């Protein structure tokens, strides 16, 4: 039986450590630690290492996205999409 790890495929999940997550999101470690402690941000712990799936970081960031399309249309005199 072959126990070697296979090369990642395009469908595999990318993971980053805390430092990588800070760089990826442009947020502080304290912000990420708080979100993790509050249960807002899923993570994986392997030994002492904490890892985040990039797709989870993307979902977490998008939850706070504010759509201003209706505001812009109203300011330009158009009808908002409702």
Foldseek 3Di string as FASTA:
>chain_A
DDPDDDDDDPPDWDKDWLVVLCVVVVHDSVVVVVCVVVVNADWDDDPNTIMHTVVSSVVSVCVPDDDCQQVVCVVVVHHGDD
